[in-house]
Amino acid sequence: MNIQEYIESGILEAYVLGALTEQERASVEADMALYPELTREVEAIEEGMRLHADSTAVTPPAFMQEQIWNAIQSQTKEEEPTNRVAPLPVSRETEEPKVIAFEPPKQLPKPAWQRAAVWAAVVVSVGTNFILLSQRNKTNQEYKALAAKVDSMNSSQSQMLAKVEAYDHERAMLADTAMKTVIMRSAQAGKQMTGMIFWSKAKGESYVAIHNMPMPPQGKQYQLWVIQDGKPVSMGVIDNQLVANAGTMYKVPMTITAGQAFAISLEKEGGNPTPTEVMVVGAI
């Protein structure tokens, strides 16, 4: 396993974020058990996410506390209203008791410093809400960026898994003793060109790989042939992308159970019923 390529694929970040399926998660944990460097990388990712969370925490600014305190101090210097009731003279003589109607005390206005504290609390609340709203918007943006990164990592992971599956399939195919390898060599003098066919006569399956052939000119395509009883039988045209990605293996959709040779010719785009310019050929 290429450890560096595995780490750069993003699958470990997806593992930490819980974005993997149970099967994928079990596969990552199995790899971590085999390779300690993967475990260390997971721990580093978790620590980095924890530090990021700590760094984005917001504390209300200190200047608000100072403004509130100054407002309270300035208001307490004002004189509060004092309503003192003069004591009633005490008579030495006995007087008849008088009935006095009870009236609830009038509510005194709140002191000025209390009003200042209320307004200061409102200011703090508004300021704090503004800060929290700004922080929430920033967090939403960071979340969207993180989600985009996770999507990108999932895409990279899918591509990597597809490559691994293709590699496993090719390895199993090459290990099949019934699979015959046919090397097609240049049929053009002075041109070094090669192609390969992997053919299973029992299954009728065949795979082609272009190793050293130039890109076809505009309006041209390579066409694959099998020679059966001395006659060429078309196996279809070869996509130019396969030629550009030299060495990539491509499964031929046609079933082939007999033949004496394979060949590749250069034809007009879309192919010809018979070969016109044979480029490489290989006997079975």
Protein backbone atom coordinates (compact mmCIF):
# COMPACT_ATOMS: atom_id res chain seq x y z
CA MET A 1 0.00 0.00 0.00
CA ASN A 2 1.18 3.52 -0.83
CA ILE A 3 0.68 5.16 2.59
CA GLN A 4 1.18 8.74 1.37
CA GLU A 5 -1.34 8.32 -1.45
CA TYR A 6 -3.78 6.74 1.01
CA ILE A 7 -3.45 9.70 3.40
CA GLU A 8 -3.80 12.30 0.63
CA SER A 9 -6.96 10.64 -0.70
CA GLY A 10 -9.03 12.23 2.10
CA ILE A 11 -10.51 8.97 3.36
CA LEU A 12 -9.06 9.55 6.86
CA GLU A 13 -10.77 12.97 7.14
CA ALA A 14 -14.05 11.32 6.07
CA TYR A 15 -13.48 8.65 8.73
CA VAL A 16 -13.03 11.28 11.48
CA LEU A 17 -16.13 13.18 10.32
CA GLY A 18 -18.22 9.98 10.30
CA ALA A 19 -18.94 10.27 6.57
CA LEU A 20 -18.12 6.64 5.74
CA THR A 21 -20.39 3.63 5.52
CA GLU A 22 -19.99 0.83 8.07
CA GLN A 23 -18.11 -1.29 5.54
CA GLU A 24 -15.77 1.57 4.58
CA ARG A 25 -15.19 2.45 8.24
CA ALA A 26 -14.32 -1.18 9.06
CA SER A 27 -11.88 -1.22 6.13
CA VAL A 28 -10.14 1.96 7.37
CA GLU A 29 -9.88 0.58 10.92
CA ALA A 30 -8.36 -2.63 9.56
CA ASP A 31 -5.78 -0.58 7.65
CA MET A 32 -5.04 1.44 10.80
CA ALA A 33 -4.37 -1.77 12.70
CA LEU A 34 -1.80 -2.78 10.07
CA TYR A 35 -0.16 0.62 9.59
CA PRO A 36 0.53 2.70 12.75
CA GLU A 37 1.23 5.80 10.65
CA LEU A 38 -2.45 5.86 9.67
CA THR A 39 -3.45 5.87 13.35
CA ARG A 40 -1.11 8.80 14.00
CA GLU A 41 -2.56 10.67 11.05
CA VAL A 42 -6.13 10.16 12.38
CA GLU A 43 -5.06 11.51 15.79
CA ALA A 44 -3.49 14.55 14.11
CA ILE A 45 -6.70 15.21 12.15
CA GLU A 46 -8.82 15.00 15.32
CA GLU A 47 -6.46 17.38 17.17
CA GLY A 48 -6.54 19.84 14.26
CA MET A 49 -10.35 19.88 14.26
CA ARG A 50 -10.41 20.42 18.06
CA LEU A 51 -8.00 23.37 17.79
CA HIS A 52 -10.10 24.84 15.00
CA ALA A 53 -13.25 24.63 17.16
CA ASP A 54 -11.43 26.34 20.08
CA SER A 55 -10.10 29.10 17.87
CA THR A 56 -13.55 30.03 16.54
CA ALA A 57 -15.13 30.52 20.03
CA VAL A 58 -16.30 34.13 20.58
CA THR A 59 -16.20 36.14 23.86
CA PRO A 60 -18.22 39.44 24.08
CA PRO A 61 -15.81 42.41 23.80
CA ALA A 62 -14.46 43.91 27.02
CA PHE A 63 -15.30 47.50 26.04
CA MET A 64 -19.02 46.84 26.61
CA GLN A 65 -18.44 45.94 30.25
CA GLU A 66 -16.46 49.15 30.74
CA GLN A 67 -19.23 51.26 29.15
CA ILE A 68 -21.87 49.72 31.43
CA TRP A 69 -19.82 50.37 34.55
CA ASN A 70 -19.15 54.02 33.56
CA ALA A 71 -22.87 54.59 32.97
CA ILE A 72 -23.75 53.22 36.41
CA GLN A 73 -21.07 55.28 38.18
CA SER A 74 -22.20 58.52 36.53
CA GLN A 75 -25.84 57.97 37.52
CA THR A 76 -25.17 57.12 41.17
CA LYS A 77 -23.67 60.62 41.68
CA GLU A 78 -27.11 62.16 41.27
CA GLU A 79 -29.08 62.69 44.45
CA GLU A 80 -31.92 60.32 44.96
CA PRO A 81 -35.24 61.88 46.07
CA THR A 82 -35.83 61.61 49.82
CA ASN A 83 -39.37 61.99 51.14
CA ARG A 84 -39.15 62.32 54.89
CA VAL A 85 -42.34 62.67 56.92
CA ALA A 86 -42.15 65.01 59.93
CA PRO A 87 -43.02 63.23 63.16
CA LEU A 88 -46.46 64.03 64.57
CA PRO A 89 -46.50 65.82 67.89
CA VAL A 90 -47.38 63.61 70.77
CA SER A 91 -50.20 64.92 72.90
CA ARG A 92 -50.15 64.23 76.57
CA GLU A 93 -53.92 64.34 76.71
CA THR A 94 -55.99 61.39 75.88
CA GLU A 95 -57.72 61.79 72.53
CA GLU A 96 -60.47 59.88 70.93
CA PRO A 97 -59.10 57.37 68.43
CA LYS A 98 -59.57 58.39 64.85
CA VAL A 99 -60.28 56.09 61.95
CA ILE A 100 -57.97 56.79 59.05
CA ALA A 101 -58.67 55.27 55.65
CA PHE A 102 -55.83 53.12 54.37
CA GLU A 103 -54.33 54.15 51.06
CA PRO A 104 -51.74 52.02 49.29
CA PRO A 105 -48.39 53.75 49.00
CA LYS A 106 -47.64 55.43 45.76
CA GLN A 107 -45.04 53.69 43.62
CA LEU A 108 -41.88 55.71 43.56
CA PRO A 109 -40.04 56.13 40.26
CA LYS A 110 -37.07 53.92 39.74
CA PRO A 111 -33.74 55.54 40.54
CA ALA A 112 -31.79 56.88 37.58
CA TRP A 113 -28.97 54.38 38.01
CA GLN A 114 -31.43 51.49 37.60
CA ARG A 115 -32.69 52.97 34.32
CA ALA A 116 -29.12 53.30 33.15
CA ALA A 117 -28.44 49.66 34.04
CA VAL A 118 -31.50 48.56 32.05
CA TRP A 119 -30.40 50.50 28.98
CA ALA A 120 -26.87 49.20 29.36
CA ALA A 121 -28.22 45.64 29.49
CA VAL A 122 -30.17 46.31 26.28
CA VAL A 123 -27.02 47.60 24.60
CA VAL A 124 -25.08 44.51 25.69
CA SER A 125 -27.86 42.23 24.46
CA VAL A 126 -27.99 43.89 21.05
CA GLY A 127 -24.21 43.89 20.72
CA THR A 128 -23.93 40.27 21.77
CA ASN A 129 -26.66 39.20 19.36
CA PHE A 130 -24.86 41.03 16.56
CA ILE A 131 -21.60 39.26 17.37
CA LEU A 132 -23.33 35.89 17.60
CA LEU A 133 -25.11 36.49 14.29
CA SER A 134 -21.82 37.39 12.62
CA GLN A 135 -20.20 34.31 14.13
CA ARG A 136 -23.09 32.12 12.97
CA ASN A 137 -22.75 33.42 9.41
CA LYS A 138 -19.02 32.73 9.54
CA THR A 139 -19.68 29.25 10.93
CA ASN A 140 -22.20 28.56 8.15
CA GLN A 141 -19.64 29.55 5.55
CA GLU A 142 -17.02 27.32 7.16
CA TYR A 143 -19.54 24.48 7.33
CA LYS A 144 -20.34 24.84 3.64
CA ALA A 145 -16.62 24.85 2.81
CA LEU A 146 -16.12 21.76 4.97
CA ALA A 147 -19.11 20.03 3.35
CA ALA A 148 -17.67 20.80 -0.09
CA LYS A 149 -14.34 19.34 1.02
CA VAL A 150 -16.09 16.21 2.31
CA ASP A 151 -17.91 15.84 -1.03
CA SER A 152 -14.60 16.21 -2.84
CA MET A 153 -13.01 13.62 -0.54
CA ASN A 154 -15.93 11.25 -1.12
CA SER A 155 -15.47 11.67 -4.88
CA SER A 156 -11.72 11.03 -4.58
CA GLN A 157 -12.42 8.04 -2.38
CA SER A 158 -14.87 6.60 -4.94
CA GLN A 159 -12.30 7.05 -7.70
CA MET A 160 -9.63 5.42 -5.57
CA LEU A 161 -11.91 2.46 -4.74
CA ALA A 162 -12.75 2.09 -8.43
CA LYS A 163 -9.02 1.96 -9.24
CA VAL A 164 -8.46 -0.61 -6.52
CA GLU A 165 -11.30 -2.77 -7.85
CA ALA A 166 -9.93 -2.51 -11.38
CA TYR A 167 -6.45 -3.41 -10.13
CA ASP A 168 -7.79 -6.43 -8.24
CA HIS A 169 -9.68 -7.56 -11.34
CA GLU A 170 -6.62 -7.22 -13.56
CA ARG A 171 -4.47 -9.07 -11.05
CA ALA A 172 -6.98 -11.93 -10.85
CA MET A 173 -7.20 -12.02 -14.64
CA LEU A 174 -3.43 -12.20 -15.10
CA ALA A 175 -3.22 -14.95 -12.49
CA ASP A 176 -5.66 -17.05 -14.52
CA THR A 177 -3.58 -19.79 -16.18
CA ALA A 178 -6.16 -20.06 -18.96
CA MET A 179 -5.54 -16.42 -19.97
CA LYS A 180 -3.21 -16.17 -22.97
CA THR A 181 -1.05 -13.08 -23.57
CA VAL A 182 -0.59 -12.05 -27.22
CA ILE A 183 1.93 -9.29 -27.97
CA MET A 184 1.17 -7.34 -31.15
CA ARG A 185 4.28 -5.81 -32.73
CA SER A 186 4.73 -3.14 -35.38
CA ALA A 187 3.87 -4.04 -38.96
CA GLN A 188 5.23 -0.67 -40.18
CA ALA A 189 8.91 -0.51 -41.08
CA GLY A 190 10.89 1.86 -38.88
CA LYS A 191 8.01 2.42 -36.40
CA GLN A 192 8.19 1.07 -32.87
CA MET A 193 4.60 0.27 -31.87
CA THR A 194 3.21 -2.37 -29.54
CA GLY A 195 -0.13 -3.53 -28.21
CA MET A 196 -1.23 -6.45 -26.05
CA ILE A 197 -4.23 -8.79 -26.01
CA PHE A 198 -5.16 -10.93 -23.02
CA TRP A 199 -7.46 -13.68 -24.28
CA SER A 200 -9.30 -16.51 -22.54
CA LYS A 201 -10.40 -19.00 -25.16
CA ALA A 202 -12.49 -20.94 -22.65
CA LYS A 203 -14.49 -17.88 -21.55
CA GLY A 204 -14.31 -15.99 -24.84
CA GLU A 205 -13.13 -12.87 -22.99
CA SER A 206 -10.41 -10.58 -24.29
CA TYR A 207 -8.73 -7.40 -23.02
CA VAL A 208 -6.65 -4.94 -25.09
CA ALA A 209 -3.98 -2.49 -23.93
CA ILE A 210 -2.14 0.07 -26.09
CA HIS A 211 1.43 0.64 -24.92
CA ASN A 212 3.33 2.51 -27.62
CA MET A 213 1.21 3.83 -30.48
CA PRO A 214 0.78 7.44 -31.69
CA MET A 215 -2.55 9.21 -31.46
CA PRO A 216 -4.58 8.73 -34.67
CA PRO A 217 -4.83 11.77 -36.98
CA GLN A 218 -7.99 13.87 -37.11
CA GLY A 219 -10.91 11.80 -38.44
CA LYS A 220 -9.10 8.48 -37.84
CA GLN A 221 -9.42 5.65 -35.31
CA TYR A 222 -7.68 2.40 -34.54
CA GLN A 223 -9.67 -0.78 -35.17
CA LEU A 224 -9.10 -4.19 -33.53
CA TRP A 225 -9.23 -7.44 -35.54
CA VAL A 226 -9.06 -11.18 -34.94
CA ILE A 227 -7.87 -13.42 -37.77
CA GLN A 228 -10.12 -16.50 -38.03
CA ASP A 229 -9.47 -19.08 -40.77
CA GLY A 230 -7.34 -16.53 -42.63
CA LYS A 231 -10.04 -13.85 -42.64
CA PRO A 232 -10.07 -10.64 -40.51
CA VAL A 233 -13.09 -10.23 -38.25
CA SER A 234 -13.70 -6.79 -36.70
CA MET A 235 -13.71 -6.58 -32.92
CA GLY A 236 -14.69 -2.90 -32.97
CA VAL A 237 -12.91 0.47 -32.96
CA ILE A 238 -10.63 1.58 -30.11
CA ASP A 239 -11.51 4.78 -28.26
CA ASN A 240 -8.82 7.46 -28.67
CA GLN A 241 -8.85 8.02 -24.90
CA LEU A 242 -7.49 4.48 -24.49
CA VAL A 243 -4.60 5.39 -26.79
CA ALA A 244 -3.93 8.59 -24.81
CA ASN A 245 -3.89 6.65 -21.52
CA ALA A 246 -1.19 4.23 -22.61
CA GLY A 247 -1.25 0.97 -20.68
CA THR A 248 -4.91 1.21 -19.66
CA MET A 249 -6.68 -2.12 -20.09
CA TYR A 250 -10.02 -2.26 -21.90
CA LYS A 251 -12.39 -5.22 -22.09
CA VAL A 252 -13.51 -6.04 -25.62
CA PRO A 253 -17.31 -6.44 -25.68
CA MET A 254 -17.18 -9.09 -28.43
CA THR A 255 -16.88 -12.78 -27.46
CA ILE A 256 -13.96 -14.52 -29.19
CA THR A 257 -13.62 -18.34 -28.95
CA ALA A 258 -11.28 -18.98 -31.88
CA GLY A 259 -8.55 -17.25 -33.86
CA GLN A 260 -5.01 -17.44 -35.18
CA ALA A 261 -3.87 -13.81 -34.66
CA PHE A 262 -4.88 -10.35 -33.47
CA ALA A 263 -4.17 -7.05 -35.25
CA ILE A 264 -4.81 -3.31 -35.02
CA SER A 265 -5.29 -1.16 -38.11
CA LEU A 266 -5.70 2.57 -38.74
CA GLU A 267 -9.09 3.34 -40.29
CA LYS A 268 -11.47 6.22 -40.83
CA GLU A 269 -13.45 7.28 -37.78
CA GLY A 270 -16.12 4.67 -37.07
CA GLY A 271 -14.14 1.79 -38.65
CA ASN A 272 -14.14 -0.21 -41.90
CA PRO A 273 -15.53 -3.63 -42.82
CA THR A 274 -11.99 -4.74 -43.80
CA PRO A 275 -8.55 -3.51 -42.61
CA THR A 276 -6.77 -0.98 -44.84
CA GLU A 277 -3.56 -0.04 -42.96
CA VAL A 278 -2.36 -2.63 -40.42
CA MET A 279 -0.28 -1.08 -37.66
CA VAL A 280 0.52 -4.00 -35.30
CA VAL A 281 -0.11 -7.75 -35.45
CA GLY A 282 0.54 -10.69 -33.14
CA ALA A 283 0.12 -14.43 -33.70
CA ILE A 284 -1.68 -16.51 -31.08
